[in-house]
Amino acid sequence: MPGPTELIIILIILLVVFGTKKLKNMGSDLGSAIKGFKNAVSDEDKPDTDEAKNVVPDTGEETDLAPNAADKEKS
């Protein structure tokens, strides 16, 4: 494990090579990638049930899930 002196030297080299703006963008991209990975892993852990898949949100509007015969004739 590198000591604090080596980490400071590596950080200075990175600043010289990439610049502060590029390092900030890289850090932001890395953070969002880690966040997306954690969300994907936690979504896989949740059990999928048939009830959860067939839930239709109640918007207060009537919806026709099966197309009418008149709609088929228009197409």
N, C-alpha and C. Protein backbone atom coordinates (compact mmCIF):
# COMPACT_ATOMS: atom_id res chain seq x y z
N MET A 1 0.86 -1.18 0.00
CA MET A 1 0.00 0.00 0.00
C MET A 1 0.90 1.23 0.00
N PRO A 2 0.67 2.11 -0.98
CA PRO A 2 1.52 3.31 -1.04
C PRO A 2 1.25 4.24 0.14
N GLY A 3 2.29 4.90 0.55
CA GLY A 3 2.18 5.84 1.64
C GLY A 3 1.64 7.17 1.16
N PRO A 4 1.43 8.11 2.08
CA PRO A 4 0.86 9.41 1.71
C PRO A 4 1.76 10.21 0.75
N THR A 5 3.07 10.05 0.89
CA THR A 5 3.98 10.78 0.00
C THR A 5 3.83 10.30 -1.44
N GLU A 6 3.75 8.99 -1.63
CA GLU A 6 3.59 8.45 -2.97
C GLU A 6 2.24 8.84 -3.58
N LEU A 7 1.18 8.87 -2.77
CA LEU A 7 -0.13 9.27 -3.27
C LEU A 7 -0.12 10.74 -3.72
N ILE A 8 0.56 11.59 -2.99
CA ILE A 8 0.65 13.01 -3.36
C ILE A 8 1.41 13.16 -4.67
N ILE A 9 2.49 12.40 -4.83
CA ILE A 9 3.26 12.46 -6.07
C ILE A 9 2.41 11.98 -7.25
N ILE A 10 1.66 10.91 -7.07
CA ILE A 10 0.79 10.39 -8.14
C ILE A 10 -0.29 11.43 -8.48
N LEU A 11 -0.86 12.07 -7.47
CA LEU A 11 -1.88 13.09 -7.70
C LEU A 11 -1.32 14.27 -8.48
N ILE A 12 -0.11 14.71 -8.16
CA ILE A 12 0.53 15.83 -8.87
C ILE A 12 0.79 15.45 -10.33
N ILE A 13 1.25 14.23 -10.56
CA ILE A 13 1.48 13.77 -11.94
C ILE A 13 0.17 13.74 -12.71
N LEU A 14 -0.91 13.24 -12.10
CA LEU A 14 -2.21 13.21 -12.75
C LEU A 14 -2.71 14.61 -13.08
N LEU A 15 -2.50 15.56 -12.16
CA LEU A 15 -2.91 16.94 -12.41
C LEU A 15 -2.16 17.54 -13.59
N VAL A 16 -0.86 17.25 -13.68
CA VAL A 16 -0.06 17.79 -14.77
C VAL A 16 -0.48 17.16 -16.10
N VAL A 17 -0.72 15.86 -16.11
CA VAL A 17 -1.05 15.17 -17.35
C VAL A 17 -2.46 15.52 -17.83
N PHE A 18 -3.46 15.44 -16.94
CA PHE A 18 -4.84 15.59 -17.35
C PHE A 18 -5.41 16.98 -17.10
N GLY A 19 -4.97 17.68 -16.12
CA GLY A 19 -5.55 18.97 -15.77
C GLY A 19 -6.71 18.81 -14.81
N THR A 20 -7.05 19.89 -14.12
CA THR A 20 -8.09 19.81 -13.08
C THR A 20 -9.47 19.57 -13.67
N LYS A 21 -9.78 20.22 -14.79
CA LYS A 21 -11.11 20.07 -15.37
C LYS A 21 -11.35 18.64 -15.85
N LYS A 22 -10.37 18.06 -16.50
CA LYS A 22 -10.51 16.69 -17.00
C LYS A 22 -10.63 15.70 -15.83
N LEU A 23 -9.84 15.92 -14.76
CA LEU A 23 -9.94 15.03 -13.60
C LEU A 23 -11.30 15.15 -12.92
N LYS A 24 -11.86 16.37 -12.89
CA LYS A 24 -13.18 16.56 -12.29
C LYS A 24 -14.23 15.79 -13.10
N ASN A 25 -14.14 15.88 -14.42
CA ASN A 25 -15.09 15.15 -15.28
C ASN A 25 -14.93 13.65 -15.13
N MET A 26 -13.69 13.19 -15.05
CA MET A 26 -13.45 11.76 -14.89
C MET A 26 -14.00 11.27 -13.56
N GLY A 27 -13.83 12.05 -12.50
CA GLY A 27 -14.37 11.68 -11.19
C GLY A 27 -15.89 11.63 -11.20
N SER A 28 -16.50 12.59 -11.86
CA SER A 28 -17.96 12.62 -11.96
C SER A 28 -18.47 11.42 -12.74
N ASP A 29 -17.81 11.10 -13.85
CA ASP A 29 -18.20 9.95 -14.65
C ASP A 29 -18.04 8.64 -13.88
N LEU A 30 -16.95 8.54 -13.14
CA LEU A 30 -16.72 7.35 -12.34
C LEU A 30 -17.78 7.20 -11.25
N GLY A 31 -18.14 8.31 -10.62
CA GLY A 31 -19.17 8.28 -9.58
C GLY A 31 -20.52 7.86 -10.12
N SER A 32 -20.90 8.38 -11.29
CA SER A 32 -22.18 7.99 -11.87
C SER A 32 -22.17 6.54 -12.33
N ALA A 33 -21.02 6.06 -12.78
CA ALA A 33 -20.92 4.66 -13.18
C ALA A 33 -21.08 3.74 -11.97
N ILE A 34 -20.47 4.10 -10.87
CA ILE A 34 -20.59 3.30 -9.64
C ILE A 34 -22.03 3.32 -9.15
N LYS A 35 -22.67 4.49 -9.22
CA LYS A 35 -24.07 4.61 -8.78
C LYS A 35 -24.98 3.74 -9.65
N GLY A 36 -24.76 3.76 -10.96
CA GLY A 36 -25.54 2.92 -11.86
C GLY A 36 -25.33 1.44 -11.60
N PHE A 37 -24.09 1.08 -11.31
CA PHE A 37 -23.79 -0.33 -11.00
C PHE A 37 -24.50 -0.76 -9.73
N LYS A 38 -24.48 0.08 -8.69
CA LYS A 38 -25.16 -0.26 -7.44
C LYS A 38 -26.66 -0.40 -7.66
N ASN A 39 -27.24 0.50 -8.48
CA ASN A 39 -28.68 0.40 -8.76
C ASN A 39 -29.00 -0.88 -9.51
N ALA A 40 -28.17 -1.26 -10.46
CA ALA A 40 -28.41 -2.49 -11.22
C ALA A 40 -28.30 -3.71 -10.33
N VAL A 41 -27.34 -3.72 -9.43
CA VAL A 41 -27.17 -4.86 -8.52
C VAL A 41 -28.35 -4.94 -7.56
N SER A 42 -28.80 -3.80 -7.02
CA SER A 42 -29.91 -3.83 -6.07
C SER A 42 -31.22 -4.19 -6.78
N ASP A 43 -31.38 -3.82 -8.06
CA ASP A 43 -32.59 -4.20 -8.80
C ASP A 43 -32.63 -5.70 -9.04
N GLU A 44 -31.48 -6.34 -9.24
CA GLU A 44 -31.44 -7.78 -9.45
C GLU A 44 -31.79 -8.54 -8.18
N ASP A 45 -31.52 -7.94 -7.02
CA ASP A 45 -31.80 -8.61 -5.76
C ASP A 45 -33.28 -8.63 -5.43
N LYS A 46 -34.06 -7.69 -5.98
CA LYS A 46 -35.48 -7.64 -5.69
C LYS A 46 -36.20 -8.75 -6.44
N PRO A 47 -37.06 -9.51 -5.76
CA PRO A 47 -37.79 -10.58 -6.45
C PRO A 47 -38.88 -10.00 -7.34
N ASP A 48 -39.00 -10.55 -8.53
CA ASP A 48 -40.05 -10.14 -9.45
C ASP A 48 -41.27 -11.02 -9.22
N THR A 49 -42.42 -10.38 -9.04
CA THR A 49 -43.66 -11.12 -8.86
C THR A 49 -44.59 -10.82 -10.02
N ASP A 50 -45.51 -11.72 -10.28
CA ASP A 50 -46.46 -11.51 -11.36
C ASP A 50 -47.36 -10.30 -11.09
N GLU A 51 -47.69 -10.07 -9.82
CA GLU A 51 -48.55 -8.94 -9.49
C GLU A 51 -47.85 -7.63 -9.81
N ALA A 52 -46.57 -7.55 -9.54
CA ALA A 52 -45.83 -6.31 -9.79
C ALA A 52 -45.70 -6.04 -11.28
N LYS A 53 -45.64 -7.06 -12.10
CA LYS A 53 -45.50 -6.88 -13.54
C LYS A 53 -46.80 -6.45 -14.20
N ASN A 54 -47.94 -6.85 -13.64
CA ASN A 54 -49.23 -6.58 -14.26
C ASN A 54 -49.94 -5.36 -13.70
N VAL A 55 -49.28 -4.56 -12.91
CA VAL A 55 -49.90 -3.39 -12.30
C VAL A 55 -50.01 -2.30 -13.35
N VAL A 56 -51.22 -1.74 -13.49
CA VAL A 56 -51.46 -0.63 -14.39
C VAL A 56 -51.70 0.60 -13.52
N PRO A 57 -50.96 1.68 -13.75
CA PRO A 57 -51.15 2.86 -12.90
C PRO A 57 -52.53 3.46 -13.10
N ASP A 58 -53.15 3.88 -12.00
CA ASP A 58 -54.47 4.46 -12.05
C ASP A 58 -54.34 5.95 -12.34
N THR A 59 -54.66 6.34 -13.57
CA THR A 59 -54.55 7.74 -13.96
C THR A 59 -55.90 8.43 -13.94
N GLY A 60 -56.96 7.70 -13.66
CA GLY A 60 -58.30 8.27 -13.66
C GLY A 60 -58.93 8.24 -15.03
N GLU A 61 -58.19 7.84 -16.04
CA GLU A 61 -58.71 7.75 -17.39
C GLU A 61 -59.04 6.31 -17.72
N GLU A 62 -60.07 6.14 -18.54
CA GLU A 62 -60.41 4.79 -18.99
C GLU A 62 -59.46 4.42 -20.12
N THR A 63 -58.91 3.25 -20.03
CA THR A 63 -58.02 2.79 -21.10
C THR A 63 -58.57 1.49 -21.65
N ASP A 64 -58.41 1.32 -22.93
CA ASP A 64 -58.85 0.10 -23.59
C ASP A 64 -57.60 -0.69 -23.95
N LEU A 65 -57.36 -1.78 -23.25
CA LEU A 65 -56.16 -2.56 -23.48
C LEU A 65 -56.25 -3.37 -24.77
N ALA A 66 -57.46 -3.74 -25.18
CA ALA A 66 -57.63 -4.48 -26.42
C ALA A 66 -58.14 -3.51 -27.48
N PRO A 67 -57.53 -3.50 -28.66
CA PRO A 67 -57.98 -2.57 -29.71
C PRO A 67 -59.37 -2.94 -30.22
N ASN A 68 -60.13 -1.90 -30.55
CA ASN A 68 -61.47 -2.11 -31.10
C ASN A 68 -61.40 -2.62 -32.51
N ALA A 69 -62.46 -3.23 -32.96
CA ALA A 69 -62.52 -3.71 -34.34
C ALA A 69 -62.50 -2.52 -35.30
N ALA A 70 -63.10 -1.38 -34.89
CA ALA A 70 -63.11 -0.19 -35.74
C ALA A 70 -61.69 0.35 -35.92
N ASP A 71 -60.86 0.26 -34.87
CA ASP A 71 -59.48 0.72 -34.97
C ASP A 71 -58.68 -0.16 -35.94
N LYS A 72 -58.99 -1.45 -35.98
CA LYS A 72 -58.29 -2.37 -36.89
C LYS A 72 -58.63 -2.06 -38.33
N GLU A 73 -59.91 -1.68 -38.57
CA GLU A 73 -60.33 -1.39 -39.93
C GLU A 73 -59.68 -0.12 -40.46
N LYS A 74 -59.42 0.86 -39.59
CA LYS A 74 -58.80 2.12 -39.98
C LYS A 74 -57.36 1.93 -40.38
N SER A 75 -56.68 0.96 -39.78
CA SER A 75 -55.25 0.76 -40.03
C SER A 75 -54.97 0.17 -41.37
